[in-house]
Amino acid sequence: MVGRVGRPTLANPDIVDRIRTGAPLNEPDPSTFYGGDRRGYTDYPTLP
């Protein structure tokens, strides 16, 4: 199970830059978390 730190990290591959610059975080969508098949490979938006 993904914890409180893991969910924001999964939804924000650039989380370090987002925290550093104060940019808003992407909202995690649990239906996109990897569950053993092709579902779950979702690219969340990153900062430009």
N, C-alpha and C. Protein backbone atom coordinates (compact mmCIF):
# COMPACT_ATOMS: atom_id res chain seq x y z
N MET A 1 0.84 -1.19 0.00
CA MET A 1 0.00 0.00 0.00
C MET A 1 0.88 1.25 0.00
N VAL A 2 0.51 2.20 -0.78
CA VAL A 2 1.27 3.44 -0.89
C VAL A 2 0.89 4.34 0.28
N GLY A 3 1.89 4.88 0.97
CA GLY A 3 1.62 5.72 2.13
C GLY A 3 1.48 7.19 1.82
N ARG A 4 1.48 7.99 2.85
CA ARG A 4 1.28 9.44 2.72
C ARG A 4 2.39 10.12 1.93
N VAL A 5 3.58 9.59 1.98
CA VAL A 5 4.68 10.17 1.21
C VAL A 5 4.66 9.65 -0.22
N GLY A 6 4.31 8.40 -0.41
CA GLY A 6 4.35 7.77 -1.73
C GLY A 6 3.34 8.32 -2.71
N ARG A 7 2.12 8.59 -2.26
CA ARG A 7 1.08 9.05 -3.18
C ARG A 7 1.45 10.38 -3.84
N PRO A 8 1.84 11.41 -3.09
CA PRO A 8 2.23 12.65 -3.76
C PRO A 8 3.45 12.47 -4.66
N THR A 9 4.35 11.58 -4.29
CA THR A 9 5.54 11.34 -5.10
C THR A 9 5.17 10.66 -6.42
N LEU A 10 4.24 9.70 -6.38
CA LEU A 10 3.79 9.04 -7.60
C LEU A 10 3.12 10.02 -8.55
N ALA A 11 2.35 10.94 -8.00
CA ALA A 11 1.59 11.90 -8.83
C ALA A 11 2.43 13.09 -9.27
N ASN A 12 3.60 13.25 -8.68
CA ASN A 12 4.45 14.40 -8.98
C ASN A 12 5.88 13.94 -9.18
N PRO A 13 6.22 13.46 -10.38
CA PRO A 13 7.58 12.98 -10.61
C PRO A 13 8.63 14.07 -10.42
N ASP A 14 8.21 15.32 -10.43
CA ASP A 14 9.13 16.45 -10.21
C ASP A 14 8.85 17.11 -8.86
N ILE A 15 8.51 16.31 -7.86
CA ILE A 15 8.07 16.83 -6.56
C ILE A 15 9.11 17.75 -5.91
N VAL A 16 10.38 17.45 -6.08
CA VAL A 16 11.42 18.30 -5.47
C VAL A 16 11.34 19.71 -6.03
N ASP A 17 11.23 19.84 -7.35
CA ASP A 17 11.12 21.17 -7.97
C ASP A 17 9.82 21.86 -7.56
N ARG A 18 8.73 21.12 -7.46
CA ARG A 18 7.46 21.71 -7.06
C ARG A 18 7.52 22.26 -5.64
N ILE A 19 8.11 21.50 -4.74
CA ILE A 19 8.23 21.97 -3.36
C ILE A 19 9.17 23.17 -3.31
N ARG A 20 10.27 23.09 -4.02
CA ARG A 20 11.26 24.17 -4.01
C ARG A 20 10.69 25.48 -4.54
N THR A 21 9.83 25.40 -5.58
CA THR A 21 9.30 26.62 -6.20
C THR A 21 7.92 27.01 -5.69
N GLY A 22 7.30 26.16 -4.87
CA GLY A 22 5.96 26.46 -4.37
C GLY A 22 4.87 26.18 -5.39
N ALA A 23 5.19 25.42 -6.43
CA ALA A 23 4.20 25.08 -7.45
C ALA A 23 3.16 24.13 -6.85
N PRO A 24 1.93 24.17 -7.35
CA PRO A 24 0.91 23.26 -6.84
C PRO A 24 1.24 21.81 -7.20
N LEU A 25 0.78 20.90 -6.37
CA LEU A 25 1.01 19.48 -6.60
C LEU A 25 -0.15 18.88 -7.39
N ASN A 26 0.17 17.90 -8.23
CA ASN A 26 -0.87 17.13 -8.90
C ASN A 26 -1.60 16.31 -7.84
N GLU A 27 -2.90 16.15 -8.00
CA GLU A 27 -3.69 15.32 -7.09
C GLU A 27 -3.53 13.85 -7.48
N PRO A 28 -3.11 12.99 -6.52
CA PRO A 28 -2.96 11.58 -6.85
C PRO A 28 -4.31 10.94 -7.21
N ASP A 29 -4.31 10.08 -8.20
CA ASP A 29 -5.49 9.34 -8.60
C ASP A 29 -5.22 7.86 -8.34
N PRO A 30 -5.76 7.30 -7.25
CA PRO A 30 -5.45 5.91 -6.91
C PRO A 30 -5.76 4.90 -8.02
N SER A 31 -6.66 5.23 -8.93
CA SER A 31 -6.95 4.29 -10.01
C SER A 31 -5.79 4.17 -10.99
N THR A 32 -4.81 5.06 -10.91
CA THR A 32 -3.66 5.01 -11.80
C THR A 32 -2.44 4.34 -11.15
N PHE A 33 -2.55 3.95 -9.89
CA PHE A 33 -1.43 3.31 -9.21
C PHE A 33 -1.25 1.91 -9.78
N TYR A 34 -0.02 1.48 -9.96
CA TYR A 34 0.28 0.20 -10.58
C TYR A 34 -0.32 -0.95 -9.78
N GLY A 35 -1.04 -1.80 -10.46
CA GLY A 35 -1.68 -2.93 -9.81
C GLY A 35 -1.34 -4.26 -10.43
N GLY A 36 -0.26 -4.32 -11.19
CA GLY A 36 0.19 -5.59 -11.75
C GLY A 36 -0.15 -5.81 -13.21
N ASP A 37 -0.80 -4.85 -13.84
CA ASP A 37 -1.09 -4.98 -15.26
C ASP A 37 -0.80 -3.66 -15.96
N ARG A 38 -1.26 -3.50 -17.20
CA ARG A 38 -0.92 -2.29 -17.96
C ARG A 38 -1.55 -1.04 -17.37
N ARG A 39 -2.66 -1.17 -16.67
CA ARG A 39 -3.25 0.00 -16.00
C ARG A 39 -2.26 0.50 -14.95
N GLY A 40 -2.22 1.76 -14.76
CA GLY A 40 -1.32 2.32 -13.76
C GLY A 40 -0.11 3.00 -14.35
N TYR A 41 0.09 2.89 -15.63
CA TYR A 41 1.20 3.60 -16.26
C TYR A 41 0.68 4.93 -16.79
N THR A 42 0.56 5.89 -15.88
CA THR A 42 0.03 7.20 -16.22
C THR A 42 1.14 8.23 -16.04
N ASP A 43 1.28 9.09 -17.01
CA ASP A 43 2.23 10.17 -16.90
C ASP A 43 1.49 11.39 -16.35
N TYR A 44 1.87 11.82 -15.17
CA TYR A 44 1.31 13.03 -14.59
C TYR A 44 2.06 14.21 -15.18
N PRO A 45 1.40 15.38 -15.28
CA PRO A 45 2.07 16.56 -15.83
C PRO A 45 3.24 17.00 -14.96
N THR A 46 4.30 17.45 -15.63
CA THR A 46 5.46 17.99 -14.92
C THR A 46 5.59 19.48 -15.22
N LEU A 47 6.41 20.14 -14.45
CA LEU A 47 6.64 21.56 -14.67
C LEU A 47 7.43 21.76 -15.97
N PRO A 48 7.20 22.89 -16.64
CA PRO A 48 7.96 23.14 -17.89
C PRO A 48 9.43 23.38 -17.62
